[in-house]
Amino acid sequence: MRKTLSLMLAAVMLTFCLTGCVKIIDKGTEGEYTGEVAFDAAADSSSDWEQVVAEITEKAVDLKEQMDGDGLSKAAAVSVEASVKEFESKANGKKNALILDVEGVDGTVKVQIGSIYSGTEVRDVQTVKNFESFTNQTEWSQYAKALNSEVDAQVVVPLGIDDSVVGKKVSIIGAASASGDEVTITPVSITIE
């Protein structure tokens, strides 16, 4: 009995001694101790946004010239001035687009105006950051989505675009891709006349 009591007492004392060596770290503060900081795609895209817009604006080629030349075999920076032919709304009003009437361009020219954006064209056209700037493919993908969120917040939402834009002239600079006879532009700048 005495031996069992002594072992229990020793176990209790050992437990008290060891708990003094454990440091409880609050969630989200791990980086202060390990030096590793969690990836924040929104912060990266926000801090890069002005540079991304400036680069795409500088590299933009008129869409008609682009289509007459090599076409759009990969994402490209483009500019276009045209009339809005249609305001397209899908996915319960969350996947909106402007369909443009672009003189000299065959097929459909669509400008994404959110709030859901498809594709990675803005990320793919810019060179502010590249794949090697990130730890893995997941972060690279999150960066693309965060840049699309910047498009919505910085370019589209402030304009309050609705179906009243039909018939008006627009000037657009953005990143474009083509699938069949449809060109889709994710804008970094929109001016409505």
N, C-alpha and C. Protein backbone atom coordinates (compact mmCIF):
# COMPACT_ATOMS: atom_id res chain seq x y z
N MET A 1 0.81 -1.19 0.00
CA MET A 1 0.00 0.00 0.00
C MET A 1 0.86 1.25 0.00
N ARG A 2 1.88 1.23 0.87
CA ARG A 2 2.79 2.36 0.95
C ARG A 2 3.51 2.59 -0.39
N LYS A 3 3.89 1.51 -1.06
CA LYS A 3 4.57 1.59 -2.34
C LYS A 3 3.65 2.20 -3.41
N THR A 4 2.39 1.81 -3.42
CA THR A 4 1.42 2.32 -4.38
C THR A 4 1.19 3.82 -4.14
N LEU A 5 1.06 4.19 -2.87
CA LEU A 5 0.88 5.59 -2.53
C LEU A 5 2.07 6.43 -2.96
N SER A 6 3.26 5.89 -2.76
CA SER A 6 4.48 6.60 -3.17
C SER A 6 4.54 6.77 -4.68
N LEU A 7 4.16 5.74 -5.42
CA LEU A 7 4.16 5.83 -6.89
C LEU A 7 3.13 6.85 -7.38
N MET A 8 1.96 6.86 -6.74
CA MET A 8 0.93 7.83 -7.13
C MET A 8 1.39 9.26 -6.83
N LEU A 9 2.01 9.45 -5.68
CA LEU A 9 2.51 10.76 -5.31
C LEU A 9 3.60 11.21 -6.29
N ALA A 10 4.48 10.30 -6.66
CA ALA A 10 5.55 10.61 -7.61
C ALA A 10 4.95 10.98 -8.98
N ALA A 11 3.90 10.26 -9.39
CA ALA A 11 3.26 10.55 -10.68
C ALA A 11 2.61 11.93 -10.66
N VAL A 12 1.95 12.27 -9.54
CA VAL A 12 1.32 13.58 -9.41
C VAL A 12 2.37 14.68 -9.44
N MET A 13 3.45 14.50 -8.74
CA MET A 13 4.52 15.51 -8.71
C MET A 13 5.16 15.67 -10.09
N LEU A 14 5.37 14.56 -10.79
CA LEU A 14 5.95 14.61 -12.13
C LEU A 14 5.01 15.37 -13.07
N THR A 15 3.71 15.14 -12.95
CA THR A 15 2.74 15.84 -13.78
C THR A 15 2.79 17.33 -13.54
N PHE A 16 2.84 17.75 -12.25
CA PHE A 16 2.93 19.18 -11.94
C PHE A 16 4.22 19.79 -12.48
N CYS A 17 5.30 19.06 -12.38
CA CYS A 17 6.59 19.57 -12.88
C CYS A 17 6.58 19.73 -14.39
N LEU A 18 6.03 18.76 -15.08
CA LEU A 18 6.03 18.81 -16.55
C LEU A 18 5.09 19.86 -17.10
N THR A 19 3.97 20.11 -16.45
CA THR A 19 3.04 21.11 -16.98
C THR A 19 3.61 22.51 -16.91
N GLY A 20 4.57 22.72 -16.08
CA GLY A 20 5.22 24.02 -16.03
C GLY A 20 6.09 24.26 -17.23
N CYS A 21 6.45 23.22 -17.98
CA CYS A 21 7.32 23.33 -19.15
C CYS A 21 6.55 23.54 -20.45
N VAL A 22 5.24 23.45 -20.40
CA VAL A 22 4.42 23.55 -21.61
C VAL A 22 3.96 24.99 -21.78
N LYS A 23 4.15 25.50 -22.98
CA LYS A 23 3.69 26.86 -23.29
C LYS A 23 2.47 26.74 -24.19
N ILE A 24 1.41 27.37 -23.80
CA ILE A 24 0.19 27.38 -24.60
C ILE A 24 0.28 28.59 -25.54
N ILE A 25 0.14 28.31 -26.85
CA ILE A 25 0.25 29.37 -27.85
C ILE A 25 -1.13 29.62 -28.44
N ASP A 26 -1.54 30.87 -28.43
CA ASP A 26 -2.84 31.22 -28.98
C ASP A 26 -2.85 30.99 -30.49
N LYS A 27 -4.00 30.52 -30.99
CA LYS A 27 -4.17 30.28 -32.42
C LYS A 27 -3.94 31.59 -33.18
N GLY A 28 -3.19 31.49 -34.27
CA GLY A 28 -2.91 32.67 -35.08
C GLY A 28 -1.61 33.38 -34.72
N THR A 29 -1.00 33.00 -33.60
CA THR A 29 0.26 33.64 -33.19
C THR A 29 1.45 32.71 -33.35
N GLU A 30 1.26 31.57 -34.00
CA GLU A 30 2.32 30.58 -34.15
C GLU A 30 3.56 31.15 -34.83
N GLY A 31 3.33 32.05 -35.81
CA GLY A 31 4.43 32.63 -36.56
C GLY A 31 5.41 33.40 -35.70
N GLU A 32 4.95 33.96 -34.57
CA GLU A 32 5.84 34.68 -33.66
C GLU A 32 6.89 33.76 -33.07
N TYR A 33 6.57 32.48 -32.95
CA TYR A 33 7.47 31.50 -32.32
C TYR A 33 8.24 30.68 -33.34
N THR A 34 7.62 30.39 -34.50
CA THR A 34 8.26 29.54 -35.49
C THR A 34 8.93 30.33 -36.61
N GLY A 35 8.53 31.57 -36.78
CA GLY A 35 9.05 32.37 -37.88
C GLY A 35 8.27 32.17 -39.17
N GLU A 36 7.38 31.17 -39.20
CA GLU A 36 6.56 30.92 -40.38
C GLU A 36 5.26 31.71 -40.26
N VAL A 37 4.97 32.49 -41.28
CA VAL A 37 3.76 33.30 -41.29
C VAL A 37 2.77 32.67 -42.26
N ALA A 38 1.52 32.57 -41.86
CA ALA A 38 0.50 31.98 -42.72
C ALA A 38 0.33 32.83 -43.97
N PHE A 39 0.13 32.17 -45.09
CA PHE A 39 -0.05 32.85 -46.36
C PHE A 39 -1.38 33.59 -46.36
N ASP A 40 -1.37 34.84 -46.80
CA ASP A 40 -2.57 35.66 -46.87
C ASP A 40 -2.70 36.20 -48.29
N ALA A 41 -3.46 35.49 -49.12
CA ALA A 41 -3.60 35.86 -50.54
C ALA A 41 -4.21 37.24 -50.69
N ALA A 42 -5.16 37.58 -49.84
CA ALA A 42 -5.82 38.89 -49.94
C ALA A 42 -4.82 40.02 -49.69
N ALA A 43 -3.95 39.84 -48.70
CA ALA A 43 -2.95 40.87 -48.41
C ALA A 43 -1.96 41.01 -49.56
N ASP A 44 -1.54 39.87 -50.13
CA ASP A 44 -0.60 39.90 -51.26
C ASP A 44 -1.22 40.62 -52.46
N SER A 45 -2.45 40.24 -52.81
CA SER A 45 -3.08 40.84 -53.99
C SER A 45 -3.36 42.32 -53.78
N SER A 46 -3.74 42.67 -52.57
CA SER A 46 -4.02 44.07 -52.27
C SER A 46 -2.76 44.93 -52.39
N SER A 47 -1.65 44.42 -51.86
CA SER A 47 -0.41 45.21 -51.92
C SER A 47 0.16 45.25 -53.34
N ASP A 48 -0.17 44.26 -54.16
CA ASP A 48 0.35 44.20 -55.54
C ASP A 48 -0.56 44.89 -56.55
N TRP A 49 -1.80 45.19 -56.17
CA TRP A 49 -2.83 45.61 -57.13
C TRP A 49 -2.40 46.75 -58.03
N GLU A 50 -1.87 47.83 -57.50
CA GLU A 50 -1.51 48.99 -58.33
C GLU A 50 -0.45 48.62 -59.37
N GLN A 51 0.53 47.82 -58.97
CA GLN A 51 1.57 47.39 -59.91
C GLN A 51 0.98 46.50 -61.00
N VAL A 52 0.06 45.60 -60.61
CA VAL A 52 -0.57 44.69 -61.58
C VAL A 52 -1.35 45.50 -62.61
N VAL A 53 -2.13 46.48 -62.15
CA VAL A 53 -2.93 47.32 -63.06
C VAL A 53 -2.00 48.10 -63.99
N ALA A 54 -0.95 48.69 -63.44
CA ALA A 54 -0.02 49.47 -64.26
C ALA A 54 0.64 48.60 -65.33
N GLU A 55 1.03 47.40 -64.96
CA GLU A 55 1.68 46.51 -65.93
C GLU A 55 0.72 46.08 -67.03
N ILE A 56 -0.49 45.67 -66.66
CA ILE A 56 -1.45 45.23 -67.67
C ILE A 56 -1.84 46.40 -68.58
N THR A 57 -1.98 47.58 -68.01
CA THR A 57 -2.31 48.77 -68.80
C THR A 57 -1.20 49.07 -69.81
N GLU A 58 0.04 48.97 -69.35
CA GLU A 58 1.19 49.24 -70.24
C GLU A 58 1.31 48.21 -71.35
N LYS A 59 1.02 46.95 -71.05
CA LYS A 59 1.18 45.87 -72.03
C LYS A 59 -0.03 45.70 -72.95
N ALA A 60 -1.15 46.35 -72.64
CA ALA A 60 -2.39 46.12 -73.38
C ALA A 60 -2.28 46.45 -74.86
N VAL A 61 -2.78 45.52 -75.66
CA VAL A 61 -2.83 45.66 -77.12
C VAL A 61 -4.30 45.71 -77.49
N ASP A 62 -4.65 46.56 -78.46
CA ASP A 62 -6.03 46.65 -78.92
C ASP A 62 -6.53 45.25 -79.29
N LEU A 63 -7.73 44.90 -78.82
CA LEU A 63 -8.27 43.56 -79.04
C LEU A 63 -8.35 43.21 -80.52
N LYS A 64 -8.76 44.14 -81.35
CA LYS A 64 -8.86 43.87 -82.80
C LYS A 64 -7.49 43.51 -83.36
N GLU A 65 -6.44 44.26 -82.99
CA GLU A 65 -5.08 43.94 -83.44
C GLU A 65 -4.67 42.56 -82.94
N GLN A 66 -4.97 42.28 -81.69
CA GLN A 66 -4.62 40.98 -81.10
C GLN A 66 -5.27 39.84 -81.86
N MET A 67 -6.56 40.00 -82.21
CA MET A 67 -7.29 38.95 -82.90
C MET A 67 -6.84 38.82 -84.36
N ASP A 68 -6.43 39.95 -84.99
CA ASP A 68 -5.93 39.90 -86.36
C ASP A 68 -4.55 39.27 -86.42
N GLY A 69 -3.78 39.40 -85.36
CA GLY A 69 -2.42 38.85 -85.33
C GLY A 69 -2.44 37.39 -84.95
N ASP A 70 -1.86 37.09 -83.80
CA ASP A 70 -1.75 35.70 -83.35
C ASP A 70 -3.01 35.18 -82.67
N GLY A 71 -3.98 36.05 -82.46
CA GLY A 71 -5.18 35.64 -81.73
C GLY A 71 -4.85 35.51 -80.25
N LEU A 72 -5.66 34.78 -79.54
CA LEU A 72 -5.46 34.60 -78.10
C LEU A 72 -5.24 33.13 -77.80
N SER A 73 -4.04 32.65 -78.03
CA SER A 73 -3.74 31.26 -77.71
C SER A 73 -3.45 31.10 -76.22
N LYS A 74 -3.13 32.20 -75.55
CA LYS A 74 -2.94 32.22 -74.10
C LYS A 74 -3.43 33.57 -73.59
N ALA A 75 -3.46 33.74 -72.29
CA ALA A 75 -3.93 35.00 -71.71
C ALA A 75 -3.08 36.16 -72.21
N ALA A 76 -3.75 37.30 -72.46
CA ALA A 76 -3.05 38.48 -72.96
C ALA A 76 -3.68 39.74 -72.41
N ALA A 77 -2.87 40.78 -72.30
CA ALA A 77 -3.37 42.09 -71.89
C ALA A 77 -3.97 42.77 -73.12
N VAL A 78 -5.22 43.22 -72.99
CA VAL A 78 -5.91 43.83 -74.12
C VAL A 78 -6.62 45.11 -73.70
N SER A 79 -6.92 45.92 -74.71
CA SER A 79 -7.77 47.10 -74.52
C SER A 79 -8.84 47.04 -75.59
N VAL A 80 -10.00 47.59 -75.28
CA VAL A 80 -11.08 47.58 -76.25
C VAL A 80 -12.02 48.75 -75.97
N GLU A 81 -12.49 49.36 -77.05
CA GLU A 81 -13.53 50.37 -76.97
C GLU A 81 -14.68 49.86 -77.81
N ALA A 82 -15.86 49.81 -77.20
CA ALA A 82 -17.01 49.24 -77.91
C ALA A 82 -18.30 49.68 -77.24
N SER A 83 -19.40 49.31 -77.88
CA SER A 83 -20.72 49.54 -77.31
C SER A 83 -21.16 48.27 -76.57
N VAL A 84 -21.90 48.47 -75.50
CA VAL A 84 -22.44 47.32 -74.76
C VAL A 84 -23.70 46.86 -75.47
N LYS A 85 -23.67 45.61 -75.92
CA LYS A 85 -24.80 45.03 -76.64
C LYS A 85 -25.80 44.39 -75.68
N GLU A 86 -25.28 43.82 -74.58
CA GLU A 86 -26.17 43.07 -73.68
C GLU A 86 -25.57 43.04 -72.28
N PHE A 87 -26.44 43.04 -71.27
CA PHE A 87 -26.06 42.81 -69.88
C PHE A 87 -26.50 41.39 -69.57
N GLU A 88 -25.53 40.50 -69.35
CA GLU A 88 -25.83 39.09 -69.12
C GLU A 88 -25.73 38.78 -67.63
N SER A 89 -26.75 38.11 -67.12
CA SER A 89 -26.76 37.75 -65.70
C SER A 89 -27.06 36.26 -65.55
N LYS A 90 -26.16 35.56 -64.85
CA LYS A 90 -26.33 34.11 -64.61
C LYS A 90 -26.05 33.81 -63.16
N ALA A 91 -26.26 32.58 -62.77
CA ALA A 91 -25.98 32.10 -61.41
C ALA A 91 -26.62 33.00 -60.36
N ASN A 92 -27.93 33.23 -60.54
CA ASN A 92 -28.69 34.07 -59.60
C ASN A 92 -28.10 35.47 -59.46
N GLY A 93 -27.65 36.03 -60.56
CA GLY A 93 -27.13 37.39 -60.56
C GLY A 93 -25.73 37.55 -60.02
N LYS A 94 -25.01 36.44 -59.83
CA LYS A 94 -23.66 36.53 -59.29
C LYS A 94 -22.58 36.39 -60.36
N LYS A 95 -22.96 35.95 -61.55
CA LYS A 95 -21.99 35.80 -62.63
C LYS A 95 -22.46 36.69 -63.78
N ASN A 96 -22.17 37.97 -63.65
CA ASN A 96 -22.63 38.95 -64.62
C ASN A 96 -21.53 39.25 -65.63
N ALA A 97 -21.98 39.67 -66.81
CA ALA A 97 -21.03 40.01 -67.87
C ALA A 97 -21.65 41.05 -68.79
N LEU A 98 -20.78 41.79 -69.43
CA LEU A 98 -21.20 42.70 -70.50
C LEU A 98 -20.82 42.03 -71.81
N ILE A 99 -21.76 41.97 -72.73
CA ILE A 99 -21.48 41.46 -74.07
C ILE A 99 -21.27 42.69 -74.94
N LEU A 100 -20.10 42.78 -75.56
CA LEU A 100 -19.74 43.96 -76.33
C LEU A 100 -19.95 43.75 -77.82
N ASP A 101 -20.24 44.84 -78.49
CA ASP A 101 -20.33 44.86 -79.95
C ASP A 101 -19.02 45.50 -80.43
N VAL A 102 -18.03 44.66 -80.74
CA VAL A 102 -16.70 45.15 -81.11
C VAL A 102 -16.56 45.08 -82.62
N GLU A 103 -16.46 46.25 -83.22
CA GLU A 103 -16.33 46.34 -84.67
C GLU A 103 -15.05 45.64 -85.13
N GLY A 104 -15.18 44.75 -86.09
CA GLY A 104 -14.01 44.08 -86.66
C GLY A 104 -13.59 42.81 -85.93
N VAL A 105 -14.31 42.43 -84.88
CA VAL A 105 -13.99 41.19 -84.16
C VAL A 105 -15.18 40.25 -84.28
N ASP A 106 -14.92 39.08 -84.86
CA ASP A 106 -15.98 38.07 -85.00
C ASP A 106 -16.14 37.33 -83.68
N GLY A 107 -17.33 36.82 -83.46
CA GLY A 107 -17.59 36.05 -82.25
C GLY A 107 -18.06 36.95 -81.12
N THR A 108 -18.11 36.37 -79.94
CA THR A 108 -18.61 37.07 -78.75
C THR A 108 -17.46 37.62 -77.93
N VAL A 109 -17.60 38.86 -77.51
CA VAL A 109 -16.63 39.47 -76.58
C VAL A 109 -17.39 39.76 -75.30
N LYS A 110 -16.94 39.09 -74.23
CA LYS A 110 -17.61 39.15 -72.94
C LYS A 110 -16.66 39.74 -71.91
N VAL A 111 -17.17 40.67 -71.09
CA VAL A 111 -16.39 41.28 -70.01
C VAL A 111 -17.01 40.84 -68.68
N GLN A 112 -16.23 40.15 -67.87
CA GLN A 112 -16.73 39.69 -66.57
C GLN A 112 -16.92 40.89 -65.63
N ILE A 113 -18.10 40.95 -65.00
CA ILE A 113 -18.34 42.03 -64.03
C ILE A 113 -18.92 41.48 -62.72
N GLY A 114 -18.54 40.28 -62.36
CA GLY A 114 -18.76 39.70 -61.03
C GLY A 114 -20.19 39.39 -60.66
N SER A 115 -20.33 39.03 -59.46
CA SER A 115 -19.34 38.97 -58.40
C SER A 115 -18.51 37.69 -58.44
N ILE A 116 -18.92 36.74 -59.26
CA ILE A 116 -18.12 35.53 -59.47
C ILE A 116 -17.31 35.72 -60.75
N TYR A 117 -16.01 35.42 -60.65
CA TYR A 117 -15.11 35.54 -61.81
C TYR A 117 -14.48 34.19 -62.10
N SER A 118 -14.47 33.82 -63.36
CA SER A 118 -13.84 32.57 -63.77
C SER A 118 -12.46 32.87 -64.33
N GLY A 119 -11.55 31.95 -64.16
CA GLY A 119 -10.25 32.07 -64.80
C GLY A 119 -9.18 32.71 -63.95
N THR A 120 -7.97 32.64 -64.48
CA THR A 120 -6.78 33.15 -63.80
C THR A 120 -6.01 34.13 -64.67
N GLU A 121 -6.69 34.75 -65.63
CA GLU A 121 -6.02 35.57 -66.63
C GLU A 121 -5.26 36.76 -66.03
N VAL A 122 -5.85 37.44 -65.04
CA VAL A 122 -5.16 38.59 -64.45
C VAL A 122 -3.84 38.12 -63.84
N ARG A 123 -3.88 37.02 -63.09
CA ARG A 123 -2.66 36.48 -62.50
C ARG A 123 -1.67 36.06 -63.59
N ASP A 124 -2.17 35.44 -64.64
CA ASP A 124 -1.29 34.88 -65.67
C ASP A 124 -0.64 35.96 -66.53
N VAL A 125 -1.28 37.11 -66.68
CA VAL A 125 -0.73 38.18 -67.52
C VAL A 125 0.31 39.01 -66.76
N GLN A 126 0.11 39.18 -65.47
CA GLN A 126 1.03 40.02 -64.68
C GLN A 126 2.35 39.27 -64.41
N THR A 127 3.40 40.04 -64.13
CA THR A 127 4.70 39.44 -63.77
C THR A 127 5.22 39.97 -62.44
N VAL A 128 4.37 40.68 -61.69
CA VAL A 128 4.76 41.19 -60.38
C VAL A 128 5.17 40.02 -59.50
N LYS A 129 4.40 38.92 -59.59
CA LYS A 129 4.72 37.68 -58.87
C LYS A 129 4.58 36.53 -59.84
N ASN A 130 5.39 35.50 -59.63
CA ASN A 130 5.26 34.29 -60.44
C ASN A 130 5.12 33.08 -59.53
N PHE A 131 5.01 31.91 -60.11
CA PHE A 131 4.77 30.69 -59.33
C PHE A 131 5.84 30.50 -58.25
N GLU A 132 7.08 30.84 -58.57
CA GLU A 132 8.18 30.66 -57.61
C GLU A 132 8.05 31.59 -56.40
N SER A 133 7.19 32.59 -56.49
CA SER A 133 6.97 33.50 -55.36
C SER A 133 6.14 32.85 -54.26
N PHE A 134 5.61 31.65 -54.53
CA PHE A 134 4.69 31.00 -53.61
C PHE A 134 5.23 29.64 -53.19
N THR A 135 4.69 29.12 -52.10
CA THR A 135 5.15 27.84 -51.56
C THR A 135 4.65 26.67 -52.38
N ASN A 136 3.42 26.78 -52.91
CA ASN A 136 2.84 25.64 -53.62
C ASN A 136 1.73 26.10 -54.57
N GLN A 137 1.16 25.14 -55.27
CA GLN A 137 0.11 25.41 -56.26
C GLN A 137 -1.14 26.00 -55.60
N THR A 138 -1.42 25.57 -54.39
CA THR A 138 -2.60 26.09 -53.69
C THR A 138 -2.49 27.59 -53.46
N GLU A 139 -1.33 28.04 -53.02
CA GLU A 139 -1.13 29.48 -52.81
C GLU A 139 -1.21 30.24 -54.13
N TRP A 140 -0.64 29.68 -55.18
CA TRP A 140 -0.68 30.29 -56.52
C TRP A 140 -2.13 30.45 -56.97
N SER A 141 -2.94 29.44 -56.72
CA SER A 141 -4.36 29.49 -57.08
C SER A 141 -5.11 30.51 -56.21
N GLN A 142 -4.81 30.55 -54.93
CA GLN A 142 -5.45 31.52 -54.04
C GLN A 142 -5.10 32.95 -54.45
N TYR A 143 -3.88 33.16 -54.93
CA TYR A 143 -3.47 34.48 -55.39
C TYR A 143 -4.32 34.91 -56.59
N ALA A 144 -4.58 33.98 -57.52
CA ALA A 144 -5.42 34.29 -58.68
C ALA A 144 -6.82 34.69 -58.24
N LYS A 145 -7.39 33.95 -57.30
CA LYS A 145 -8.73 34.27 -56.80
C LYS A 145 -8.74 35.62 -56.09
N ALA A 146 -7.67 35.90 -55.35
CA ALA A 146 -7.60 37.17 -54.63
C ALA A 146 -7.47 38.35 -55.61
N LEU A 147 -6.73 38.17 -56.70
CA LEU A 147 -6.66 39.23 -57.71
C LEU A 147 -8.04 39.46 -58.34
N ASN A 148 -8.79 38.38 -58.58
CA ASN A 148 -10.15 38.53 -59.11
C ASN A 148 -11.04 39.27 -58.11
N SER A 149 -10.82 39.06 -56.83
CA SER A 149 -11.57 39.79 -55.80
C SER A 149 -11.22 41.28 -55.85
N GLU A 150 -9.95 41.59 -56.15
CA GLU A 150 -9.54 42.99 -56.30
C GLU A 150 -10.25 43.62 -57.50
N VAL A 151 -10.39 42.86 -58.59
CA VAL A 151 -11.12 43.35 -59.77
C VAL A 151 -12.52 43.76 -59.34
N ASP A 152 -13.18 42.90 -58.60
CA ASP A 152 -14.55 43.19 -58.19
C ASP A 152 -14.60 44.42 -57.29
N ALA A 153 -13.74 44.45 -56.27
CA ALA A 153 -13.78 45.54 -55.28
C ALA A 153 -13.27 46.87 -55.83
N GLN A 154 -12.22 46.84 -56.64
CA GLN A 154 -11.57 48.07 -57.09
C GLN A 154 -12.13 48.61 -58.41
N VAL A 155 -12.62 47.72 -59.27
CA VAL A 155 -13.01 48.14 -60.62
C VAL A 155 -14.53 48.11 -60.82
N VAL A 156 -15.15 46.99 -60.51
CA VAL A 156 -16.55 46.78 -60.88
C VAL A 156 -17.54 47.39 -59.88
N VAL A 157 -17.42 47.02 -58.61
CA VAL A 157 -18.40 47.47 -57.61
C VAL A 157 -18.55 48.99 -57.56
N PRO A 158 -17.45 49.77 -57.59
CA PRO A 158 -17.62 51.22 -57.54
C PRO A 158 -18.46 51.81 -58.68
N LEU A 159 -18.54 51.10 -59.80
CA LEU A 159 -19.30 51.60 -60.95
C LEU A 159 -20.79 51.28 -60.85
N GLY A 160 -21.18 50.33 -60.01
CA GLY A 160 -22.59 49.98 -59.87
C GLY A 160 -23.23 49.61 -61.20
N ILE A 161 -22.57 48.78 -61.98
CA ILE A 161 -23.04 48.44 -63.32
C ILE A 161 -24.31 47.59 -63.25
N ASP A 162 -25.30 47.99 -64.03
CA ASP A 162 -26.52 47.20 -64.17
C ASP A 162 -26.95 47.25 -65.63
N ASP A 163 -28.17 46.79 -65.91
CA ASP A 163 -28.60 46.70 -67.32
C ASP A 163 -28.80 48.06 -67.99
N SER A 164 -28.70 49.15 -67.24
CA SER A 164 -28.81 50.48 -67.86
C SER A 164 -27.58 50.82 -68.70
N VAL A 165 -26.55 50.01 -68.62
CA VAL A 165 -25.33 50.25 -69.39
C VAL A 165 -25.48 49.84 -70.87
N VAL A 166 -26.52 49.06 -71.17
CA VAL A 166 -26.73 48.60 -72.55
C VAL A 166 -26.87 49.81 -73.48
N GLY A 167 -26.12 49.79 -74.58
CA GLY A 167 -26.13 50.87 -75.56
C GLY A 167 -25.06 51.92 -75.33
N LYS A 168 -24.44 51.91 -74.17
CA LYS A 168 -23.39 52.89 -73.88
C LYS A 168 -22.04 52.41 -74.39
N LYS A 169 -21.13 53.38 -74.60
CA LYS A 169 -19.76 53.05 -75.01
C LYS A 169 -18.93 52.81 -73.77
N VAL A 170 -18.05 51.82 -73.85
CA VAL A 170 -17.15 51.51 -72.75
C VAL A 170 -15.72 51.40 -73.27
N SER A 171 -14.79 51.75 -72.40
CA SER A 171 -13.36 51.53 -72.67
C SER A 171 -12.89 50.59 -71.59
N ILE A 172 -12.27 49.50 -72.02
CA ILE A 172 -11.87 48.45 -71.08
C ILE A 172 -10.42 48.08 -71.31
N ILE A 173 -9.70 47.89 -70.21
CA ILE A 173 -8.36 47.32 -70.23
C ILE A 173 -8.42 46.12 -69.31
N GLY A 174 -7.86 45.00 -69.76
CA GLY A 174 -7.91 43.81 -68.91
C GLY A 174 -7.10 42.67 -69.45
N ALA A 175 -7.30 41.54 -68.82
CA ALA A 175 -6.63 40.30 -69.22
C ALA A 175 -7.66 39.43 -69.92
N ALA A 176 -7.32 38.95 -71.11
CA ALA A 176 -8.30 38.21 -71.92
C ALA A 176 -7.81 36.82 -72.27
N SER A 177 -8.79 35.96 -72.53
CA SER A 177 -8.51 34.62 -73.05
C SER A 177 -9.63 34.29 -74.03
N ALA A 178 -9.40 33.28 -74.85
CA ALA A 178 -10.40 32.89 -75.84
C ALA A 178 -10.68 31.41 -75.74
N SER A 179 -11.93 31.07 -75.98
CA SER A 179 -12.35 29.67 -76.05
C SER A 179 -13.31 29.59 -77.24
N GLY A 180 -12.87 28.92 -78.28
CA GLY A 180 -13.67 28.88 -79.51
C GLY A 180 -13.78 30.27 -80.07
N ASP A 181 -15.01 30.73 -80.33
CA ASP A 181 -15.20 32.07 -80.89
C ASP A 181 -15.64 33.07 -79.81
N GLU A 182 -15.35 32.75 -78.53
CA GLU A 182 -15.71 33.66 -77.44
C GLU A 182 -14.45 34.17 -76.73
N VAL A 183 -14.35 35.48 -76.63
CA VAL A 183 -13.26 36.13 -75.90
C VAL A 183 -13.83 36.60 -74.58
N THR A 184 -13.15 36.27 -73.49
CA THR A 184 -13.57 36.72 -72.16
C THR A 184 -12.49 37.62 -71.58
N ILE A 185 -12.90 38.79 -71.14
CA ILE A 185 -11.97 39.77 -70.57
C ILE A 185 -12.29 39.95 -69.09
N THR A 186 -11.25 39.88 -68.26
CA THR A 186 -11.38 40.24 -66.85
C THR A 186 -10.77 41.62 -66.74
N PRO A 187 -11.57 42.65 -66.43
CA PRO A 187 -11.09 44.03 -66.51
C PRO A 187 -10.24 44.46 -65.31
N VAL A 188 -9.27 45.32 -65.59
CA VAL A 188 -8.55 46.02 -64.51
C VAL A 188 -8.89 47.50 -64.56
N SER A 189 -9.61 47.90 -65.63
CA SER A 189 -10.06 49.29 -65.78
C SER A 189 -11.29 49.30 -66.68
N ILE A 190 -12.33 50.03 -66.25
CA ILE A 190 -13.53 50.21 -67.07
C ILE A 190 -13.92 51.69 -67.00
N THR A 191 -14.14 52.26 -68.18
CA THR A 191 -14.67 53.62 -68.26
C THR A 191 -15.96 53.53 -69.06
N ILE A 192 -17.03 54.09 -68.50
CA ILE A 192 -18.33 54.08 -69.19
C ILE A 192 -18.64 55.51 -69.60
N GLU A 193 -18.93 55.70 -70.89
CA GLU A 193 -19.27 57.04 -71.39
C GLU A 193 -20.74 57.30 -71.33
